[in-house]
Amino acid sequence: MRGVADAEVGTSPGGDPITAYDVMYESERRYSADYLTHAKPAGPGETGNVVGDWDKRARHVGEVFGAMNAIGSDVTLDDRDTKIGNMNDAARYGYHGFGGLITQFPIIGDPAQRLIDAATYEWSKDVAAEHEAMALKKESADAAAGVGATNSLVDSFATGQGANGSVAHEHAKGEAKQSYITGREDAYSALRTRK
């Protein structure tokens, strides 16, 4: 799934790109909503307790959405890594290209080269930190939105069962969140070594 996630498959009516990830996520959201609706209905008075089938299905949904979030996050982190790599290349080429010319000047060449080296290093640190902060901000927002979307599915299911706010509903939502975290971490283990 990650291999095709950032491929563009079309554009929205507003002209924004639609990626394969967007299509996979929406397909999974619809499938998960349907999957929840097939849970065993709670009998009279059962919503005051844990309903095993609700928990099982919420766990599956949470785990899948956690993995989907990790795939989306990996796209963000790959973009960050590419930008930092391009910036490091630009700094290196600039340092060697311009620095190679300036070292030809007697007396001032070597100190000027060191000054260029220091300035290039400071510039690259600042640019890398900016890309890192932007990626982490997006990743954090996406993770929160993913948990929210998963909760929304479980909430809609519980409302449809007439059990909104019940023990069974809250327990299933807790199971979904816990499994979301597990699914996300499992997918990250397969996708990358995180910094």
Protein backbone atom coordinates (compact mmCIF):
# COMPACT_ATOMS: atom_id res chain seq x y z
CA MET A 1 0.00 0.00 0.00
CA ARG A 2 2.83 2.38 0.81
CA GLY A 3 4.41 1.85 -2.60
CA VAL A 4 1.49 3.49 -4.39
CA ALA A 5 0.19 5.79 -1.63
CA ASP A 6 1.63 9.05 -2.95
CA ALA A 7 0.74 8.42 -6.61
CA GLU A 8 -1.75 10.94 -7.96
CA VAL A 9 -4.86 9.31 -9.39
CA GLY A 10 -6.85 12.42 -10.29
CA THR A 11 -7.90 15.84 -9.12
CA SER A 12 -10.75 17.06 -6.97
CA PRO A 13 -13.37 19.48 -8.34
CA GLY A 14 -11.32 22.22 -6.66
CA GLY A 15 -8.19 21.17 -8.58
CA ASP A 16 -6.38 19.57 -5.64
CA PRO A 17 -4.56 16.30 -6.34
CA ILE A 18 -6.21 13.06 -5.24
CA THR A 19 -3.67 10.43 -4.24
CA ALA A 20 -3.96 6.67 -4.14
CA TYR A 21 -3.75 7.04 -0.35
CA ASP A 22 -6.87 9.24 -0.36
CA VAL A 23 -8.74 6.58 -2.33
CA MET A 24 -7.52 3.73 -0.10
CA TYR A 25 -8.41 5.67 3.05
CA GLU A 26 -11.91 6.50 1.87
CA SER A 27 -12.48 2.89 0.74
CA GLU A 28 -11.35 1.62 4.13
CA ARG A 29 -13.57 4.13 5.94
CA ARG A 30 -16.63 2.92 4.02
CA TYR A 31 -15.74 -0.73 4.51
CA SER A 32 -15.17 -0.19 8.24
CA ALA A 33 -18.51 1.56 8.67
CA ASP A 34 -20.21 -1.39 6.99
CA TYR A 35 -18.15 -3.88 9.03
CA LEU A 36 -19.30 -2.25 12.28
CA THR A 37 -22.95 -2.38 11.26
CA HIS A 38 -22.73 -6.18 11.08
CA ALA A 39 -21.77 -6.49 14.75
CA LYS A 40 -24.02 -8.58 16.94
CA PRO A 41 -26.75 -6.32 18.31
CA ALA A 42 -26.73 -5.92 22.07
CA GLY A 43 -29.68 -7.46 23.82
CA PRO A 44 -31.86 -5.61 26.31
CA GLY A 45 -29.69 -4.25 29.11
CA GLU A 46 -26.43 -5.55 27.58
CA THR A 47 -25.11 -2.08 26.71
CA GLY A 48 -24.42 -1.54 30.42
CA ASN A 49 -21.64 -4.10 30.02
CA VAL A 50 -18.92 -4.91 27.53
CA VAL A 51 -20.25 -6.36 24.25
CA GLY A 52 -17.57 -8.71 22.95
CA ASP A 53 -18.44 -8.48 19.25
CA TRP A 54 -18.45 -4.68 19.42
CA ASP A 55 -15.00 -4.70 21.02
CA LYS A 56 -13.66 -7.20 18.49
CA ARG A 57 -14.88 -5.17 15.53
CA ALA A 58 -13.79 -1.85 17.04
CA ARG A 59 -10.34 -3.39 17.63
CA HIS A 60 -10.09 -4.44 13.97
CA VAL A 61 -11.21 -1.03 12.73
CA GLY A 62 -8.78 0.78 15.04
CA GLU A 63 -5.87 -1.37 13.99
CA VAL A 64 -6.50 -0.81 10.30
CA PHE A 65 -6.89 2.95 10.71
CA GLY A 66 -3.70 3.08 12.76
CA ALA A 67 -1.85 1.33 9.95
CA MET A 68 -3.43 3.66 7.38
CA ASN A 69 -2.29 6.65 9.45
CA ALA A 70 1.27 5.29 9.55
CA ILE A 71 1.25 4.96 5.76
CA GLY A 72 0.09 8.57 5.39
CA SER A 73 2.67 9.68 7.93
CA ASP A 74 5.39 7.84 6.02
CA VAL A 75 4.48 9.90 2.94
CA THR A 76 4.94 13.08 5.02
CA LEU A 77 8.24 11.89 6.47
CA ASP A 78 9.54 10.84 3.04
CA ASP A 79 8.74 14.34 1.77
CA ARG A 80 10.64 15.81 4.73
CA ASP A 81 13.62 13.51 4.09
CA THR A 82 13.69 14.45 0.40
CA LYS A 83 13.64 18.18 1.18
CA ILE A 84 16.43 17.84 3.75
CA GLY A 85 18.46 15.68 1.36
CA ASN A 86 18.07 18.25 -1.44
CA MET A 87 19.06 21.03 0.95
CA ASN A 88 22.14 19.09 2.09
CA ASP A 89 23.13 18.52 -1.55
CA ALA A 90 22.74 22.22 -2.34
CA ALA A 91 24.84 23.15 0.69
CA ARG A 92 27.53 20.61 -0.19
CA TYR A 93 27.74 21.68 -3.84
CA GLY A 94 27.75 25.34 -2.91
CA TYR A 95 30.41 24.81 -0.28
CA HIS A 96 32.70 22.83 -2.58
CA GLY A 97 32.02 24.90 -5.69
CA PHE A 98 32.36 28.37 -4.25
CA GLY A 99 34.82 27.26 -1.58
CA GLY A 100 37.09 25.70 -4.19
CA LEU A 101 37.30 29.01 -6.00
CA ILE A 102 37.94 31.12 -2.93
CA THR A 103 40.76 28.95 -1.56
CA GLN A 104 42.81 29.98 -4.60
CA PHE A 105 43.33 33.43 -3.10
CA PRO A 106 46.46 33.65 -0.99
CA ILE A 107 46.11 34.67 2.67
CA ILE A 108 42.30 35.13 2.66
CA GLY A 109 41.35 31.89 0.90
CA ASP A 110 41.56 29.47 3.82
CA PRO A 111 39.84 31.73 6.42
CA ALA A 112 37.15 32.63 3.85
CA GLN A 113 36.60 28.93 3.16
CA ARG A 114 36.11 28.30 6.88
CA LEU A 115 33.64 31.19 7.06
CA ILE A 116 31.67 29.72 4.14
CA ASP A 117 31.75 26.33 5.83
CA ALA A 118 30.38 27.74 9.10
CA ALA A 119 27.68 29.78 7.33
CA THR A 120 26.61 26.80 5.20
CA TYR A 121 26.44 24.58 8.26
CA GLU A 122 24.28 27.06 10.21
CA TRP A 123 21.99 27.59 7.20
CA SER A 124 21.53 23.85 6.69
CA LYS A 125 20.75 23.30 10.39
CA ASP A 126 18.05 25.99 10.30
CA VAL A 127 16.47 24.70 7.09
CA ALA A 128 16.52 21.09 8.33
CA ALA A 129 14.94 22.15 11.64
CA GLU A 130 12.18 24.00 9.75
CA HIS A 131 11.39 20.96 7.55
CA GLU A 132 11.45 18.73 10.63
CA ALA A 133 9.07 20.98 12.56
CA MET A 134 6.64 21.24 9.63
CA ALA A 135 6.61 17.46 9.15
CA LEU A 136 6.09 16.75 12.85
CA LYS A 137 3.28 19.31 13.04
CA LYS A 138 1.53 17.66 10.07
CA GLU A 139 2.13 14.17 11.43
CA SER A 140 0.71 15.16 14.82
CA ALA A 141 -2.37 16.76 13.25
CA ASP A 142 -2.92 13.73 11.01
CA ALA A 143 -2.61 11.31 13.95
CA ALA A 144 -5.18 13.30 15.95
CA ALA A 145 -7.51 13.43 12.95
CA GLY A 146 -7.11 9.67 12.46
CA VAL A 147 -8.06 8.91 16.06
CA GLY A 148 -10.99 11.33 15.70
CA ALA A 149 -12.19 9.64 12.51
CA THR A 150 -11.96 6.21 14.15
CA ASN A 151 -13.90 7.45 17.18
CA SER A 152 -16.49 8.95 14.86
CA LEU A 153 -17.09 5.56 13.20
CA VAL A 154 -17.56 3.85 16.56
CA ASP A 155 -19.77 6.72 17.77
CA SER A 156 -21.97 6.46 14.66
CA PHE A 157 -22.29 2.72 15.15
CA ALA A 158 -23.23 3.12 18.84
CA THR A 159 -25.78 5.79 17.98
CA GLY A 160 -27.30 3.47 15.38
CA GLN A 161 -27.59 0.80 18.10
CA GLY A 162 -29.25 3.26 20.48
CA ALA A 163 -26.29 2.84 22.83
CA ASN A 164 -24.50 6.19 22.54
CA GLY A 165 -22.57 6.91 25.74
CA SER A 166 -23.19 3.45 27.17
CA VAL A 167 -20.55 1.28 28.83
CA ALA A 168 -20.46 -0.94 25.72
CA HIS A 169 -19.96 2.08 23.47
CA GLU A 170 -17.20 3.63 25.56
CA HIS A 171 -15.42 0.30 25.97
CA ALA A 172 -15.52 -0.37 22.21
CA LYS A 173 -14.17 3.13 21.58
CA GLY A 174 -11.34 2.47 24.03
CA GLU A 175 -10.55 -0.79 22.24
CA ALA A 176 -10.47 1.04 18.90
CA LYS A 177 -8.08 3.70 20.21
CA GLN A 178 -5.73 1.15 21.77
CA SER A 179 -5.69 -0.89 18.57
CA TYR A 180 -5.20 2.28 16.51
CA ILE A 181 -1.97 2.90 18.41
CA THR A 182 -0.88 -0.72 17.99
CA GLY A 183 -1.67 -0.73 14.26
CA ARG A 184 0.21 2.53 13.78
CA GLU A 185 3.29 1.27 15.60
CA ASP A 186 3.26 -2.09 13.80
CA ALA A 187 3.07 -0.36 10.43
CA TYR A 188 5.87 2.04 11.38
CA SER A 189 8.04 -0.93 12.28
CA ALA A 190 7.57 -2.25 8.76
CA LEU A 191 7.94 1.12 7.03
CA ARG A 192 10.89 2.89 8.62
CA THR A 193 13.18 3.59 11.48
CA ARG A 194 11.76 6.78 12.94
CA LYS A 195 13.95 9.58 14.25
